[in-house]
Amino acid sequence: MALQPGNDPDSARRMKHQFITTITTLLMVGATVLGVTLTIMDGRFEQIDARFEQMATQVDTRFERVEGRIDRLEDRVERLETRMDDQFREMNDQFRDMHDQFRAMATAIGRLEGLIQGRYGPTPTEAQRSDREDDQPARRAPV
């Protein structure tokens, strides 16, 4: 025969035990769900971290390549500046040499003029020639 709920002396203990079992089961299921969720999230975060690490490595590699290119460009610019400085110095040296040669040539021409004037006398200037032509009657061409 079935006992009435109020007449069973162990019913309170059984209900307490069933309540504790139900709560424990719910807590265990909740903890399991949380554990699984956290495990999935950790795995996802590890994937994201690995992807960021890969991207950081790629970015670092690209920056190193760009820095290498910039360094090579700076070296080329320095070489060009050095070449331009050398060419400028060479042009200045050539200009000085040319200037010295012109001075030497002017000195040589002056000496030659002095020798010529010493031997043949001074040459009349254009003004002196025109004065002489004004003093002399104009010659007519024969008819």
N, C-alpha and C. Protein backbone atom coordinates (compact mmCIF):
# COMPACT_ATOMS: atom_id res chain seq x y z
N MET A 1 0.80 -1.14 0.00
CA MET A 1 0.00 0.00 0.00
C MET A 1 0.87 1.23 0.00
N ALA A 2 0.36 2.26 -0.62
CA ALA A 2 1.13 3.48 -0.77
C ALA A 2 0.92 4.36 0.43
N LEU A 3 1.96 4.94 0.83
CA LEU A 3 1.90 5.82 1.99
C LEU A 3 1.46 7.20 1.54
N GLN A 4 0.78 7.85 2.34
CA GLN A 4 0.34 9.21 2.08
C GLN A 4 1.55 10.13 2.29
N PRO A 5 1.61 11.24 1.55
CA PRO A 5 2.78 12.10 1.68
C PRO A 5 2.97 12.62 3.08
N GLY A 6 2.00 12.90 3.75
CA GLY A 6 2.18 13.42 5.09
C GLY A 6 2.52 12.37 6.10
N ASN A 7 2.31 11.07 5.80
CA ASN A 7 2.53 10.00 6.77
C ASN A 7 3.91 9.40 6.65
N ASP A 8 4.62 9.65 5.59
CA ASP A 8 5.94 9.03 5.40
C ASP A 8 6.98 9.78 6.21
N PRO A 9 7.65 9.09 7.16
CA PRO A 9 8.63 9.78 7.98
C PRO A 9 9.89 10.17 7.20
N ASP A 10 10.24 9.50 6.12
CA ASP A 10 11.48 9.79 5.37
C ASP A 10 11.23 10.73 4.19
N SER A 11 10.02 11.18 3.98
CA SER A 11 9.73 11.98 2.80
C SER A 11 10.48 13.31 2.82
N ALA A 12 10.62 13.92 3.94
CA ALA A 12 11.34 15.21 4.02
C ALA A 12 12.81 15.01 3.67
N ARG A 13 13.35 13.90 4.18
CA ARG A 13 14.75 13.62 3.90
C ARG A 13 14.94 13.31 2.42
N ARG A 14 14.01 12.54 1.83
CA ARG A 14 14.11 12.22 0.42
C ARG A 14 13.96 13.49 -0.43
N MET A 15 13.05 14.37 -0.11
CA MET A 15 12.85 15.60 -0.86
C MET A 15 14.08 16.50 -0.75
N LYS A 16 14.66 16.53 0.45
CA LYS A 16 15.88 17.32 0.64
C LYS A 16 16.99 16.74 -0.22
N HIS A 17 17.09 15.39 -0.20
CA HIS A 17 18.12 14.71 -0.98
C HIS A 17 17.87 14.95 -2.48
N GLN A 18 16.63 14.88 -2.93
CA GLN A 18 16.30 15.10 -4.33
C GLN A 18 16.58 16.54 -4.73
N PHE A 19 16.29 17.49 -3.85
CA PHE A 19 16.56 18.91 -4.12
C PHE A 19 18.07 19.14 -4.27
N ILE A 20 18.82 18.57 -3.34
CA ILE A 20 20.29 18.71 -3.38
C ILE A 20 20.83 18.05 -4.65
N THR A 21 20.30 16.90 -5.01
CA THR A 21 20.75 16.20 -6.21
C THR A 21 20.43 17.04 -7.45
N THR A 22 19.24 17.61 -7.50
CA THR A 22 18.85 18.43 -8.64
C THR A 22 19.73 19.67 -8.74
N ILE A 23 19.94 20.35 -7.64
CA ILE A 23 20.79 21.54 -7.62
C ILE A 23 22.21 21.17 -8.03
N THR A 24 22.71 20.08 -7.47
CA THR A 24 24.07 19.63 -7.80
C THR A 24 24.17 19.32 -9.29
N THR A 25 23.16 18.64 -9.82
CA THR A 25 23.16 18.31 -11.24
C THR A 25 23.14 19.58 -12.09
N LEU A 26 22.29 20.52 -11.70
CA LEU A 26 22.24 21.79 -12.43
C LEU A 26 23.58 22.53 -12.37
N LEU A 27 24.17 22.55 -11.19
CA LEU A 27 25.48 23.20 -11.05
C LEU A 27 26.55 22.50 -11.87
N MET A 28 26.51 21.16 -11.88
CA MET A 28 27.50 20.40 -12.66
C MET A 28 27.30 20.66 -14.16
N VAL A 29 26.04 20.67 -14.59
CA VAL A 29 25.76 20.94 -16.01
C VAL A 29 26.21 22.36 -16.35
N GLY A 30 25.90 23.32 -15.47
CA GLY A 30 26.32 24.70 -15.70
C GLY A 30 27.83 24.83 -15.74
N ALA A 31 28.51 24.14 -14.81
CA ALA A 31 29.97 24.19 -14.78
C ALA A 31 30.54 23.55 -16.04
N THR A 32 29.92 22.46 -16.49
CA THR A 32 30.38 21.80 -17.71
C THR A 32 30.19 22.72 -18.91
N VAL A 33 29.02 23.35 -18.99
CA VAL A 33 28.76 24.29 -20.10
C VAL A 33 29.76 25.43 -20.06
N LEU A 34 29.98 25.98 -18.87
CA LEU A 34 30.98 27.05 -18.73
C LEU A 34 32.37 26.58 -19.13
N GLY A 35 32.73 25.38 -18.68
CA GLY A 35 34.05 24.83 -19.02
C GLY A 35 34.21 24.64 -20.52
N VAL A 36 33.17 24.08 -21.15
CA VAL A 36 33.22 23.88 -22.60
C VAL A 36 33.30 25.22 -23.32
N THR A 37 32.48 26.18 -22.88
CA THR A 37 32.49 27.51 -23.49
C THR A 37 33.85 28.17 -23.34
N LEU A 38 34.41 28.10 -22.14
CA LEU A 38 35.73 28.69 -21.91
C LEU A 38 36.80 27.99 -22.74
N THR A 39 36.70 26.67 -22.88
CA THR A 39 37.66 25.93 -23.70
C THR A 39 37.56 26.37 -25.16
N ILE A 40 36.32 26.51 -25.64
CA ILE A 40 36.12 26.97 -27.03
C ILE A 40 36.66 28.38 -27.19
N MET A 41 36.37 29.24 -26.21
CA MET A 41 36.86 30.62 -26.29
C MET A 41 38.38 30.67 -26.23
N ASP A 42 38.97 29.84 -25.36
CA ASP A 42 40.44 29.79 -25.29
C ASP A 42 41.03 29.35 -26.62
N GLY A 43 40.42 28.35 -27.23
CA GLY A 43 40.90 27.90 -28.54
C GLY A 43 40.77 28.99 -29.58
N ARG A 44 39.67 29.70 -29.54
CA ARG A 44 39.46 30.81 -30.47
C ARG A 44 40.47 31.92 -30.24
N PHE A 45 40.69 32.24 -28.96
CA PHE A 45 41.69 33.28 -28.64
C PHE A 45 43.08 32.85 -29.07
N GLU A 46 43.40 31.56 -28.93
CA GLU A 46 44.70 31.08 -29.39
C GLU A 46 44.83 31.23 -30.90
N GLN A 47 43.74 30.93 -31.62
CA GLN A 47 43.76 31.12 -33.08
C GLN A 47 43.95 32.59 -33.43
N ILE A 48 43.23 33.44 -32.72
CA ILE A 48 43.35 34.88 -32.98
C ILE A 48 44.76 35.36 -32.65
N ASP A 49 45.31 34.90 -31.51
CA ASP A 49 46.68 35.28 -31.14
C ASP A 49 47.67 34.79 -32.18
N ALA A 50 47.48 33.55 -32.66
CA ALA A 50 48.38 33.02 -33.68
C ALA A 50 48.28 33.85 -34.96
N ARG A 51 47.07 34.24 -35.33
CA ARG A 51 46.87 35.06 -36.53
C ARG A 51 47.52 36.43 -36.37
N PHE A 52 47.33 37.04 -35.18
CA PHE A 52 47.98 38.33 -34.93
C PHE A 52 49.49 38.19 -34.94
N GLU A 53 50.00 37.11 -34.39
CA GLU A 53 51.45 36.88 -34.40
C GLU A 53 51.95 36.75 -35.84
N GLN A 54 51.19 36.02 -36.65
CA GLN A 54 51.56 35.86 -38.06
C GLN A 54 51.53 37.21 -38.77
N MET A 55 50.48 37.99 -38.52
CA MET A 55 50.38 39.31 -39.15
C MET A 55 51.51 40.22 -38.67
N ALA A 56 51.82 40.16 -37.37
CA ALA A 56 52.91 40.98 -36.84
C ALA A 56 54.23 40.60 -37.51
N THR A 57 54.45 39.31 -37.71
CA THR A 57 55.67 38.86 -38.37
C THR A 57 55.71 39.37 -39.81
N GLN A 58 54.58 39.29 -40.51
CA GLN A 58 54.52 39.78 -41.88
C GLN A 58 54.78 41.28 -41.94
N VAL A 59 54.16 42.01 -41.01
CA VAL A 59 54.35 43.47 -40.98
C VAL A 59 55.81 43.79 -40.68
N ASP A 60 56.40 43.08 -39.71
CA ASP A 60 57.81 43.31 -39.38
C ASP A 60 58.70 43.03 -40.60
N THR A 61 58.39 41.94 -41.30
CA THR A 61 59.18 41.60 -42.49
C THR A 61 59.05 42.70 -43.54
N ARG A 62 57.84 43.17 -43.74
CA ARG A 62 57.65 44.24 -44.73
C ARG A 62 58.37 45.51 -44.31
N PHE A 63 58.29 45.85 -43.03
CA PHE A 63 59.00 47.04 -42.55
C PHE A 63 60.50 46.88 -42.74
N GLU A 64 61.02 45.69 -42.48
CA GLU A 64 62.46 45.47 -42.67
C GLU A 64 62.83 45.64 -44.14
N ARG A 65 61.97 45.12 -45.04
CA ARG A 65 62.25 45.29 -46.47
C ARG A 65 62.21 46.76 -46.86
N VAL A 66 61.21 47.47 -46.36
CA VAL A 66 61.10 48.91 -46.67
C VAL A 66 62.29 49.66 -46.10
N GLU A 67 62.68 49.32 -44.86
CA GLU A 67 63.85 49.98 -44.27
C GLU A 67 65.10 49.68 -45.09
N GLY A 68 65.22 48.44 -45.58
CA GLY A 68 66.35 48.10 -46.44
C GLY A 68 66.35 48.94 -47.71
N ARG A 69 65.17 49.10 -48.31
CA ARG A 69 65.08 49.93 -49.51
C ARG A 69 65.44 51.37 -49.21
N ILE A 70 64.94 51.87 -48.09
CA ILE A 70 65.26 53.26 -47.71
C ILE A 70 66.76 53.40 -47.48
N ASP A 71 67.37 52.42 -46.81
CA ASP A 71 68.82 52.47 -46.59
C ASP A 71 69.56 52.48 -47.91
N ARG A 72 69.12 51.62 -48.86
CA ARG A 72 69.78 51.59 -50.16
C ARG A 72 69.61 52.92 -50.89
N LEU A 73 68.41 53.50 -50.80
CA LEU A 73 68.19 54.81 -51.43
C LEU A 73 69.07 55.88 -50.80
N GLU A 74 69.18 55.85 -49.46
CA GLU A 74 70.04 56.83 -48.79
C GLU A 74 71.49 56.65 -49.22
N ASP A 75 71.93 55.39 -49.36
CA ASP A 75 73.30 55.15 -49.83
C ASP A 75 73.49 55.69 -51.25
N ARG A 76 72.49 55.47 -52.11
CA ARG A 76 72.58 55.98 -53.48
C ARG A 76 72.64 57.50 -53.49
N VAL A 77 71.81 58.13 -52.66
CA VAL A 77 71.81 59.60 -52.60
C VAL A 77 73.17 60.09 -52.10
N GLU A 78 73.73 59.42 -51.10
CA GLU A 78 75.05 59.82 -50.59
C GLU A 78 76.11 59.68 -51.69
N ARG A 79 76.04 58.56 -52.45
CA ARG A 79 77.01 58.38 -53.53
C ARG A 79 76.83 59.46 -54.59
N LEU A 80 75.58 59.79 -54.92
CA LEU A 80 75.34 60.86 -55.89
C LEU A 80 75.85 62.19 -55.38
N GLU A 81 75.61 62.48 -54.10
CA GLU A 81 76.12 63.74 -53.53
C GLU A 81 77.64 63.77 -53.58
N THR A 82 78.26 62.64 -53.26
CA THR A 82 79.72 62.57 -53.31
C THR A 82 80.22 62.80 -54.74
N ARG A 83 79.55 62.14 -55.71
CA ARG A 83 79.94 62.33 -57.11
C ARG A 83 79.77 63.77 -57.54
N MET A 84 78.65 64.37 -57.14
CA MET A 84 78.42 65.77 -57.51
C MET A 84 79.46 66.68 -56.87
N ASP A 85 79.79 66.42 -55.60
CA ASP A 85 80.83 67.22 -54.94
C ASP A 85 82.16 67.06 -55.66
N ASP A 86 82.50 65.81 -56.03
CA ASP A 86 83.75 65.57 -56.75
C ASP A 86 83.75 66.28 -58.10
N GLN A 87 82.64 66.19 -58.82
CA GLN A 87 82.56 66.85 -60.12
C GLN A 87 82.61 68.36 -59.97
N PHE A 88 81.97 68.89 -58.92
CA PHE A 88 82.02 70.33 -58.68
C PHE A 88 83.46 70.77 -58.40
N ARG A 89 84.16 69.99 -57.56
CA ARG A 89 85.57 70.32 -57.28
C ARG A 89 86.40 70.25 -58.56
N GLU A 90 86.15 69.22 -59.36
CA GLU A 90 86.89 69.07 -60.61
C GLU A 90 86.60 70.24 -61.55
N MET A 91 85.34 70.64 -61.63
CA MET A 91 84.99 71.79 -62.47
C MET A 91 85.66 73.06 -61.96
N ASN A 92 85.70 73.25 -60.64
CA ASN A 92 86.38 74.42 -60.08
C ASN A 92 87.87 74.39 -60.41
N ASP A 93 88.47 73.20 -60.31
CA ASP A 93 89.88 73.07 -60.66
C ASP A 93 90.10 73.39 -62.13
N GLN A 94 89.22 72.87 -63.00
CA GLN A 94 89.35 73.16 -64.43
C GLN A 94 89.15 74.65 -64.70
N PHE A 95 88.20 75.27 -63.99
CA PHE A 95 87.97 76.70 -64.17
C PHE A 95 89.22 77.48 -63.76
N ARG A 96 89.81 77.11 -62.60
CA ARG A 96 91.04 77.79 -62.16
C ARG A 96 92.16 77.60 -63.18
N ASP A 97 92.31 76.36 -63.67
CA ASP A 97 93.34 76.10 -64.68
C ASP A 97 93.10 76.93 -65.94
N MET A 98 91.83 76.98 -66.38
CA MET A 98 91.50 77.75 -67.56
C MET A 98 91.76 79.23 -67.32
N HIS A 99 91.41 79.72 -66.14
CA HIS A 99 91.66 81.12 -65.79
C HIS A 99 93.16 81.41 -65.81
N ASP A 100 93.94 80.51 -65.22
CA ASP A 100 95.40 80.68 -65.23
C ASP A 100 95.94 80.65 -66.66
N GLN A 101 95.39 79.78 -67.50
CA GLN A 101 95.84 79.71 -68.89
C GLN A 101 95.48 80.98 -69.65
N PHE A 102 94.28 81.54 -69.39
CA PHE A 102 93.91 82.81 -70.03
C PHE A 102 94.84 83.93 -69.59
N ARG A 103 95.18 83.93 -68.29
CA ARG A 103 96.11 84.95 -67.81
C ARG A 103 97.47 84.80 -68.50
N ALA A 104 97.93 83.54 -68.60
CA ALA A 104 99.21 83.31 -69.26
C ALA A 104 99.15 83.72 -70.73
N MET A 105 98.01 83.43 -71.38
CA MET A 105 97.85 83.81 -72.78
C MET A 105 97.80 85.34 -72.92
N ALA A 106 97.12 86.03 -72.01
CA ALA A 106 97.06 87.50 -72.05
C ALA A 106 98.45 88.07 -71.84
N THR A 107 99.22 87.48 -70.93
CA THR A 107 100.59 87.94 -70.69
C THR A 107 101.43 87.73 -71.95
N ALA A 108 101.28 86.56 -72.59
CA ALA A 108 102.06 86.28 -73.81
C ALA A 108 101.67 87.25 -74.92
N ILE A 109 100.37 87.54 -75.06
CA ILE A 109 99.92 88.50 -76.08
C ILE A 109 100.48 89.88 -75.79
N GLY A 110 100.49 90.27 -74.52
CA GLY A 110 101.06 91.57 -74.14
C GLY A 110 102.54 91.64 -74.49
N ARG A 111 103.26 90.56 -74.25
CA ARG A 111 104.69 90.54 -74.60
C ARG A 111 104.89 90.66 -76.11
N LEU A 112 104.06 89.91 -76.85
CA LEU A 112 104.17 89.98 -78.31
C LEU A 112 103.89 91.40 -78.81
N GLU A 113 102.85 92.03 -78.25
CA GLU A 113 102.55 93.41 -78.66
C GLU A 113 103.72 94.32 -78.32
N GLY A 114 104.30 94.09 -77.15
CA GLY A 114 105.46 94.90 -76.78
C GLY A 114 106.62 94.70 -77.74
N LEU A 115 106.87 93.43 -78.12
CA LEU A 115 107.95 93.16 -79.08
C LEU A 115 107.66 93.79 -80.43
N ILE A 116 106.41 93.68 -80.89
CA ILE A 116 106.04 94.25 -82.19
C ILE A 116 106.18 95.77 -82.15
N GLN A 117 105.69 96.40 -81.09
CA GLN A 117 105.79 97.86 -81.00
C GLN A 117 107.25 98.28 -80.85
N GLY A 118 108.03 97.47 -80.17
CA GLY A 118 109.45 97.79 -80.03
C GLY A 118 110.16 97.72 -81.36
N ARG A 119 109.75 96.82 -82.21
CA ARG A 119 110.43 96.67 -83.49
C ARG A 119 109.86 97.60 -84.55
N TYR A 120 108.56 97.75 -84.63
CA TYR A 120 107.94 98.52 -85.71
C TYR A 120 107.31 99.82 -85.25
N GLY A 121 107.30 100.09 -84.00
CA GLY A 121 106.67 101.31 -83.49
C GLY A 121 105.22 101.04 -83.12
N PRO A 122 104.66 102.00 -82.46
CA PRO A 122 103.27 101.79 -82.03
C PRO A 122 102.32 101.83 -83.22
N THR A 123 101.29 101.07 -83.18
CA THR A 123 100.28 101.05 -84.24
C THR A 123 99.28 102.15 -83.96
N PRO A 124 98.87 102.83 -85.00
CA PRO A 124 97.90 103.90 -84.76
C PRO A 124 96.55 103.31 -84.36
N THR A 125 95.90 104.03 -83.49
CA THR A 125 94.57 103.59 -83.07
C THR A 125 93.56 104.02 -84.11
N GLU A 126 92.36 103.62 -84.00
CA GLU A 126 91.29 103.96 -84.95
C GLU A 126 91.08 105.47 -84.98
N ALA A 127 91.12 106.11 -83.81
CA ALA A 127 90.93 107.57 -83.75
C ALA A 127 92.06 108.28 -84.47
N GLN A 128 93.30 107.79 -84.29
CA GLN A 128 94.44 108.40 -84.96
C GLN A 128 94.32 108.24 -86.48
N ARG A 129 93.84 107.12 -86.94
CA ARG A 129 93.68 106.88 -88.38
C ARG A 129 92.64 107.83 -88.96
N SER A 130 91.54 108.02 -88.27
CA SER A 130 90.49 108.90 -88.80
C SER A 130 90.97 110.35 -88.81
N ASP A 131 91.80 110.74 -87.82
CA ASP A 131 92.35 112.10 -87.83
C ASP A 131 93.23 112.31 -89.05
N ARG A 132 94.05 111.34 -89.40
CA ARG A 132 94.95 111.44 -90.54
C ARG A 132 94.18 111.51 -91.85
N GLU A 133 93.11 110.76 -91.94
CA GLU A 133 92.32 110.77 -93.17
C GLU A 133 91.62 112.11 -93.35
N ASP A 134 91.25 112.76 -92.23
CA ASP A 134 90.61 114.08 -92.33
C ASP A 134 91.61 115.13 -92.82
N ASP A 135 92.89 114.99 -92.46
CA ASP A 135 93.91 115.95 -92.86
C ASP A 135 94.25 115.82 -94.35
N GLN A 136 94.18 114.67 -94.92
CA GLN A 136 94.56 114.44 -96.32
C GLN A 136 93.33 114.57 -97.20
N PRO A 137 93.53 115.14 -98.41
CA PRO A 137 92.39 115.23 -99.33
C PRO A 137 91.97 113.84 -99.77
N ALA A 138 90.71 113.71 -100.05
CA ALA A 138 90.18 112.41 -100.45
C ALA A 138 90.69 112.06 -101.83
N ARG A 139 91.09 110.92 -102.04
CA ARG A 139 91.58 110.46 -103.34
C ARG A 139 90.38 110.05 -104.18
N ARG A 140 90.52 110.44 -105.43
CA ARG A 140 89.46 110.05 -106.33
C ARG A 140 89.93 108.88 -107.15
N ALA A 141 88.97 108.09 -107.46
CA ALA A 141 89.31 106.95 -108.31
C ALA A 141 89.51 107.44 -109.74
N PRO A 142 90.48 106.89 -110.45
CA PRO A 142 90.71 107.31 -111.83
C PRO A 142 89.47 107.04 -112.69
N VAL A 143 89.29 107.98 -113.64
CA VAL A 143 88.11 107.89 -114.50
C VAL A 143 88.41 107.19 -115.77
